[in-house]
Protein backbone atom coordinates (compact mmCIF):
# COMPACT_ATOMS: atom_id res chain seq x y z
CA MET A 1 0.19 -0.35 -0.19
CA ALA A 2 1.42 3.81 -1.01
CA ASP A 3 2.22 5.49 1.99
CA THR A 4 0.46 9.11 2.02
CA GLN A 5 0.52 10.30 5.51
CA THR A 6 4.01 10.88 6.18
CA LEU A 7 7.47 12.31 4.21
CA ASP A 8 11.47 11.59 4.24
CA LEU A 9 12.23 14.82 5.87
CA ASP A 10 16.05 13.54 5.34
CA ALA A 11 15.03 13.94 1.37
CA VAL A 12 13.54 17.03 1.51
CA GLY A 13 15.39 18.82 3.30
CA ALA A 14 19.15 17.30 1.61
CA TYR A 15 16.85 18.81 -1.51
CA LEU A 16 16.04 21.81 -0.24
CA LYS A 17 19.14 22.56 0.71
CA ASN A 18 20.19 22.52 -3.16
CA HIS A 19 17.48 23.37 -5.14
CA LEU A 20 15.69 26.49 -2.47
CA ASP A 21 17.55 29.49 -1.85
CA GLY A 22 17.40 30.65 1.93
CA PHE A 23 16.30 27.44 2.65
CA GLU A 24 17.73 25.83 6.49
CA GLY A 25 16.42 23.21 8.47
CA PRO A 26 15.54 21.27 10.12
CA ILE A 27 12.26 20.24 9.28
CA GLU A 28 8.73 19.31 11.17
CA ALA A 29 5.38 18.18 8.83
CA GLU A 30 1.78 18.27 8.77
CA LYS A 31 -0.24 17.11 7.13
CA PHE A 32 -3.09 19.09 6.59
CA ALA A 33 -5.92 16.99 6.38
CA GLY A 34 -8.59 17.98 3.56
CA GLY A 35 -8.23 16.81 0.19
CA GLN A 36 -8.97 13.81 -1.54
CA SER A 37 -6.01 14.05 -4.01
CA ASN A 38 -2.47 15.63 -4.34
CA PRO A 39 -0.99 15.04 -0.77
CA THR A 40 -1.11 18.23 0.90
CA PHE A 41 1.73 19.22 3.98
CA LEU A 42 3.16 21.98 6.00
CA LEU A 43 6.83 22.54 6.49
CA LYS A 44 7.69 24.27 9.34
CA THR A 45 11.67 25.38 9.87
CA PRO A 46 13.43 27.63 11.86
CA ALA A 47 12.75 30.41 9.61
CA ARG A 48 9.57 30.10 8.14
CA ASN A 49 7.11 27.83 7.04
CA TYR A 50 6.38 26.15 3.15
CA VAL A 51 3.94 24.26 2.12
CA LEU A 52 4.86 20.71 0.55
CA ARG A 53 1.93 19.81 -2.26
CA ARG A 54 3.14 16.20 -4.17
CA LYS A 55 1.37 13.54 -6.17
CA PRO A 56 0.32 10.21 -4.81
CA PRO A 57 2.93 7.67 -5.01
CA GLY A 58 1.69 4.40 -6.41
CA LYS A 59 -0.17 3.33 -9.74
CA LEU A 60 -2.45 6.68 -11.16
CA LEU A 61 -4.51 7.08 -13.35
CA LYS A 62 -2.69 9.16 -16.83
CA SER A 63 -2.56 13.12 -17.12
CA ALA A 64 -4.39 13.00 -13.31
CA HIS A 65 -2.80 14.91 -10.57
CA ALA A 66 -0.54 17.02 -12.41
CA VAL A 67 1.25 18.53 -9.90
CA ASP A 68 3.41 20.38 -12.56
CA ARG A 69 1.19 21.66 -13.82
CA GLU A 70 -0.39 23.20 -10.63
CA PHE A 71 3.04 25.20 -9.70
CA ARG A 72 3.34 25.99 -13.38
CA VAL A 73 -0.23 27.65 -13.68
CA GLN A 74 0.33 29.25 -10.05
CA LYS A 75 3.74 30.81 -11.29
CA ALA A 76 2.08 32.56 -14.20
CA LEU A 77 -0.80 33.87 -12.01
CA TRP A 78 1.71 35.62 -9.75
CA ASP A 79 1.94 39.07 -11.05
CA THR A 80 -1.84 39.13 -11.86
CA GLY A 81 -5.46 40.13 -10.09
CA VAL A 82 -5.47 36.56 -8.55
CA PRO A 83 -4.35 36.05 -5.93
CA VAL A 84 -2.18 32.96 -5.77
CA SER A 85 0.57 31.68 -3.27
CA LYS A 86 3.80 32.73 -3.62
CA MET A 87 5.14 29.65 -5.82
CA HIS A 88 9.28 28.14 -4.74
CA VAL A 89 10.46 24.72 -5.92
CA LEU A 90 9.54 22.20 -8.74
CA CYS A 91 11.30 18.29 -8.29
CA GLU A 92 10.14 15.98 -11.22
CA ASP A 93 12.84 13.27 -9.84
CA ASP A 94 10.45 11.12 -8.28
CA ALA A 95 14.10 9.22 -6.96
CA VAL A 96 13.93 11.88 -3.95
CA ILE A 97 10.17 11.27 -2.39
CA GLY A 98 9.02 8.84 -4.20
CA SER A 99 6.80 11.29 -6.62
CA SER A 100 6.99 14.44 -7.93
CA PHE A 101 6.21 17.13 -5.61
CA TYR A 102 6.44 21.72 -5.77
CA ILE A 103 7.01 24.33 -2.87
CA MET A 104 5.22 27.37 -2.20
CA ASP A 105 4.84 29.57 0.57
CA GLN A 106 2.69 29.49 3.34
CA VAL A 107 -0.60 31.73 3.16
CA VAL A 108 -1.39 32.31 7.27
CA GLY A 109 -5.38 33.16 6.98
CA ARG A 110 -9.10 32.11 7.27
CA ASN A 111 -10.64 29.13 5.30
CA PHE A 112 -13.90 28.50 5.35
CA ASN A 113 -15.21 24.92 4.73
CA GLU A 114 -18.57 25.81 3.50
CA PRO A 115 -20.45 28.37 2.30
CA THR A 116 -22.68 29.50 4.98
CA LEU A 117 -19.36 30.88 6.60
CA ASN A 118 -20.86 30.01 10.08
CA GLY A 119 -19.78 32.22 13.45
CA ARG A 120 -19.59 35.28 10.64
CA THR A 121 -21.65 38.25 10.08
CA VAL A 122 -24.32 38.98 7.57
CA GLU A 123 -22.11 42.03 6.20
CA GLU A 124 -19.09 39.39 6.88
CA ARG A 125 -20.98 37.32 4.88
CA THR A 126 -21.70 39.17 2.02
CA ALA A 127 -18.02 40.68 1.47
CA ILE A 128 -16.63 37.46 1.49
CA ILE A 129 -18.80 35.84 -1.34
CA GLY A 130 -18.62 39.17 -2.69
CA ASP A 131 -14.68 38.84 -3.32
CA MET A 132 -15.08 35.40 -4.19
CA ASN A 133 -17.00 36.45 -7.05
CA ARG A 134 -14.51 39.05 -8.11
CA VAL A 135 -11.63 36.40 -8.06
CA LEU A 136 -14.02 34.38 -10.40
CA ALA A 137 -14.06 37.34 -12.72
CA ALA A 138 -10.45 39.16 -12.17
CA LEU A 139 -9.42 35.16 -13.34
CA HIS A 140 -11.77 34.74 -15.80
CA ASP A 141 -9.87 38.18 -17.07
CA VAL A 142 -6.59 37.14 -17.47
CA ASP A 143 -4.74 37.58 -20.47
CA ILE A 144 -3.71 33.79 -21.13
CA GLU A 145 -1.02 34.41 -24.15
CA ALA A 146 0.09 38.27 -21.79
CA VAL A 147 1.08 35.46 -19.06
CA GLY A 148 2.86 32.60 -20.87
CA LEU A 149 -0.31 30.04 -20.78
CA GLY A 150 -1.38 30.52 -24.46
CA ASP A 151 -1.36 26.74 -24.92
CA TYR A 152 -2.18 25.63 -21.14
CA GLY A 153 -4.85 23.57 -22.87
CA PRO A 154 -6.03 22.70 -25.83
CA PRO A 155 -7.86 24.83 -28.67
CA GLY A 156 -11.19 23.82 -29.70
CA ASN A 157 -14.89 23.26 -27.74
CA TYR A 158 -13.78 22.99 -24.02
CA PHE A 159 -16.82 20.83 -22.97
CA GLU A 160 -16.35 18.15 -25.57
CA ARG A 161 -13.19 17.88 -24.44
CA GLN A 162 -14.02 17.56 -21.26
CA ILE A 163 -17.01 15.31 -21.45
CA GLY A 164 -15.06 13.32 -23.48
CA ARG A 165 -11.99 13.17 -20.92
CA TRP A 166 -13.90 12.46 -17.78
CA THR A 167 -16.03 9.68 -19.38
CA LYS A 168 -12.98 8.15 -19.98
CA GLN A 169 -11.31 8.99 -16.31
CA TYR A 170 -14.97 7.21 -15.26
CA LYS A 171 -14.89 4.28 -17.09
CA ALA A 172 -11.38 3.78 -15.85
CA SER A 173 -12.00 3.94 -12.48
CA GLU A 174 -15.86 2.42 -12.60
CA THR A 175 -16.47 0.07 -9.59
CA GLY A 176 -19.66 -0.75 -10.57
CA ASP A 177 -23.30 0.40 -12.54
CA VAL A 178 -24.33 3.54 -12.22
CA PRO A 179 -27.07 4.31 -14.36
CA ALA A 180 -28.18 7.78 -13.96
CA MET A 181 -23.97 7.99 -14.87
CA ASP A 182 -24.64 6.37 -17.64
CA ARG A 183 -27.66 8.46 -18.72
CA LEU A 184 -25.55 11.77 -17.44
CA MET A 185 -23.24 11.02 -19.87
CA ASP A 186 -25.04 10.55 -22.69
CA ALA A 187 -27.39 13.48 -22.37
CA LEU A 188 -24.61 15.89 -22.07
CA ALA A 189 -23.44 15.00 -25.08
CA ASP A 190 -26.38 14.82 -27.20
CA ARG A 191 -27.11 19.02 -25.74
CA MET A 192 -23.29 20.35 -26.32
CA PRO A 193 -23.51 23.83 -26.83
CA THR A 194 -22.22 25.02 -29.92
CA ASP A 195 -17.86 26.40 -29.30
CA ASP A 196 -19.04 30.70 -28.84
CA GLY A 197 -15.16 31.21 -29.27
CA GLN A 198 -14.80 32.41 -24.73
CA ARG A 199 -11.12 31.02 -23.90
CA THR A 200 -9.99 31.70 -21.03
CA LEU A 201 -8.22 29.89 -17.65
CA VAL A 202 -10.37 27.97 -15.66
CA HIS A 203 -9.70 26.30 -12.13
CA GLY A 204 -11.93 24.07 -12.33
CA ASP A 205 -12.73 23.52 -8.57
CA TYR A 206 -13.41 26.67 -7.58
CA ARG A 207 -14.68 26.78 -4.22
CA ILE A 208 -15.34 28.34 -1.07
CA ASP A 209 -12.96 26.18 0.58
CA ASN A 210 -10.47 26.59 -1.75
CA MET A 211 -9.50 29.56 -1.02
CA ILE A 212 -7.29 31.34 1.83
CA PHE A 213 -9.20 35.34 3.25
CA GLU A 214 -7.01 37.87 5.45
CA ALA A 215 -7.70 36.56 9.25
CA ASP A 216 -9.02 39.78 10.42
CA GLY A 217 -10.79 40.85 6.82
CA THR A 218 -12.73 39.58 3.75
CA ASN A 219 -10.43 39.70 0.88
CA CYS A 220 -9.07 37.09 -0.76
CA LEU A 221 -5.11 36.15 0.37
CA ALA A 222 -4.65 32.86 -2.03
CA VAL A 223 -6.60 30.57 -4.57
CA LEU A 224 -5.52 27.05 -3.83
CA ASP A 225 -5.82 23.13 -5.46
CA TRP A 226 -4.78 24.08 -9.63
CA GLU A 227 -4.83 20.52 -10.32
CA LEU A 228 -8.13 20.64 -12.47
CA SER A 229 -7.40 24.32 -13.86
CA THR A 230 -6.44 24.46 -18.31
CA THR A 231 -7.49 27.18 -20.77
CA GLY A 232 -11.02 26.78 -21.65
CA HIS A 233 -14.31 28.26 -21.19
CA PRO A 234 -15.83 30.26 -18.38
CA TYR A 235 -18.97 29.42 -17.77
CA ALA A 236 -17.72 26.02 -16.37
CA ASP A 237 -16.31 27.71 -13.09
CA LEU A 238 -19.64 29.68 -12.61
CA ALA A 239 -21.69 26.65 -12.16
CA SER A 240 -19.15 24.75 -10.37
CA VAL A 241 -19.79 27.56 -7.80
CA ILE A 242 -23.86 27.09 -8.24
CA MET A 243 -23.51 23.31 -8.08
CA GLN A 244 -21.92 23.27 -5.11
CA TRP A 245 -24.38 26.14 -3.13
CA GLN A 246 -27.62 23.61 -4.60
CA LEU A 247 -25.77 20.57 -2.76
CA PRO A 248 -27.36 20.09 1.29
CA ALA A 249 -26.15 22.60 3.65
CA GLY A 250 -23.16 21.18 6.43
CA LYS A 251 -20.16 19.59 6.61
CA GLU A 252 -20.96 16.78 3.97
CA GLY A 253 -22.84 18.65 1.56
CA ARG A 254 -21.05 21.62 2.08
CA GLY A 255 -24.09 23.43 0.15
CA LEU A 256 -26.73 26.12 0.86
CA ALA A 257 -29.87 23.94 -0.12
CA GLY A 258 -32.95 24.85 2.30
CA VAL A 259 -30.81 27.66 3.98
CA ASP A 260 -32.49 31.56 4.17
CA ARG A 261 -29.87 33.07 2.40
CA SER A 262 -30.74 36.62 2.42
CA ALA A 263 -31.12 36.23 6.37
CA LEU A 264 -28.00 35.31 6.43
CA GLY A 265 -26.26 37.71 3.79
CA LEU A 266 -25.80 35.41 0.92
CA PRO A 267 -26.73 36.19 -2.19
CA THR A 268 -28.92 33.76 -4.30
CA ASP A 269 -27.89 31.71 -7.17
CA GLN A 270 -28.75 34.30 -9.75
CA GLU A 271 -28.01 37.09 -7.80
CA PHE A 272 -24.01 35.82 -7.82
CA ILE A 273 -24.65 34.94 -11.38
CA ASP A 274 -25.37 38.78 -12.20
CA GLN A 275 -22.64 39.79 -9.98
CA TYR A 276 -19.99 38.37 -11.84
CA CYS A 277 -22.11 38.80 -15.88
CA MET A 278 -21.49 42.73 -14.18
CA ARG A 279 -18.07 42.39 -13.56
CA ARG A 280 -17.03 40.90 -17.05
CA GLY A 281 -19.35 42.78 -18.75
CA ILE A 282 -22.15 40.03 -20.42
CA ASP A 283 -26.08 40.76 -20.47
CA GLY A 284 -26.23 37.48 -19.73
CA ILE A 285 -26.07 33.47 -19.67
CA ASP A 286 -28.48 31.46 -21.51
CA ASN A 287 -28.47 27.62 -21.07
CA PHE A 288 -27.37 27.50 -17.43
CA GLY A 289 -28.21 24.63 -16.95
CA PHE A 290 -26.24 22.63 -19.35
CA TYR A 291 -23.30 24.30 -17.89
CA VAL A 292 -24.02 23.27 -14.61
CA GLY A 293 -25.70 19.15 -15.29
CA PHE A 294 -21.75 19.12 -16.54
CA CYS A 295 -20.13 20.04 -13.20
CA PHE A 296 -22.27 17.28 -11.71
CA PHE A 297 -21.33 14.68 -13.94
CA ARG A 298 -17.54 15.64 -13.60
CA MET A 299 -17.75 15.97 -9.79
CA ALA A 300 -19.25 12.75 -9.56
CA ALA A 301 -16.49 11.11 -12.42
CA ILE A 302 -14.00 12.92 -9.82
CA ILE A 303 -15.26 11.01 -7.10
CA GLN A 304 -15.53 7.83 -8.77
CA GLY A 305 -12.13 8.37 -9.33
CA VAL A 306 -11.54 8.76 -4.85
CA LEU A 307 -13.04 5.77 -4.41
CA LYS A 308 -11.30 4.04 -6.44
CA ARG A 309 -7.88 5.12 -4.70
CA ALA A 310 -9.30 4.71 -2.11
CA LEU A 311 -9.84 0.33 -2.77
CA ASP A 312 -6.31 0.38 -4.45
CA GLY A 313 -4.86 1.61 -1.43
CA ASN A 314 -3.24 5.09 -2.71
CA ALA A 315 -5.54 7.62 -1.37
CA SER A 316 -4.55 10.63 0.28
CA ASN A 317 -7.75 10.26 3.37
CA PRO A 318 -8.62 6.61 3.08
CA GLU A 319 -11.95 6.94 5.63
CA ARG A 320 -13.10 9.65 3.90
CA ALA A 321 -12.73 8.58 0.24
CA MET A 322 -15.28 5.97 0.58
CA LYS A 323 -17.69 8.03 2.30
CA VAL A 324 -17.49 10.54 -0.51
CA GLY A 325 -17.25 7.83 -3.36
CA ALA A 326 -21.11 6.44 -1.84
CA PHE A 327 -21.92 9.88 -3.25
CA VAL A 328 -21.23 8.94 -7.33
CA PRO A 329 -25.10 8.49 -7.83
CA VAL A 330 -26.00 11.24 -6.02
CA PHE A 331 -23.99 14.04 -7.97
CA ALA A 332 -25.20 12.06 -11.28
CA GLN A 333 -29.13 12.74 -10.71
CA ASN A 334 -28.31 16.24 -9.54
CA GLY A 335 -26.72 16.55 -12.83
CA LEU A 336 -29.75 15.27 -14.60
CA LYS A 337 -32.37 17.17 -12.35
CA ALA A 338 -30.33 20.72 -13.81
CA LEU A 339 -30.69 19.31 -17.50
CA ASP A 340 -34.92 18.80 -16.15
CA LEU A 341 -34.11 14.83 -17.03
């Protein structure tokens, strides 16, 4: 069984001594509990703290866990209006610790697991979600050619490409029959919108728990977890936010279903969409249900991969991976609902 819970600190220290300016050991490591994809560790040294994010060891699906892409995109965004951690070192030599990894700054601030933003005031909630909207619009306004990311993803119809990719990934990690998922994949292929020419940087998993905010304020300091980023269609990111909000509230669903948003100072789905469109100078978005259905499909395929890794013994958080994997049929059904099927 691959070990995703510990690090060879001697090997990490020796590597950083030779590749990271100003690095001095000794190192203490603490694994972050959240996340199911690339194991992430806080590295504590006498002078400062860093974060190490690695590809899981063991046999993996092709193109998955691309920490080199995470490193590249965040490094490219450092001087833009999109807040990211500062990148330091990318190690692609598997011989060092068993898989590729990169080192970035630790960003100190607040991380919210749920969009209800429990414990915050009405004014804080409004401001935090407002800044989440601002950062998303800023991300999609980045000039990808100017920051060196023009070749970060293939040209052409993003949704056609993504549905093809995740259908293959899903089938490669399938552990049982899910009829709703089969129906959803067929329906998305049948309802594919024509390419409207929009091509921006997309995060791929944009949600509140993948962001760090000021410790005593409401501004976003860093967007995290860029593994699914590529160049593609911006509405996929926007729909990803709305998809998350349609899930049940609480630590499992981490959504806003059934929540009195007005009382909490949170926007409706349409208000969030309208704010985004205003920031980007867009009149409105037609056929938004397709984009939400696509996001439910992609998330179902992702968590199926999480389940498969747990069964294979190389999940980042095995116990939670098994629980998350059980929701594949739920996400598929929600995708069909978004398409009115």
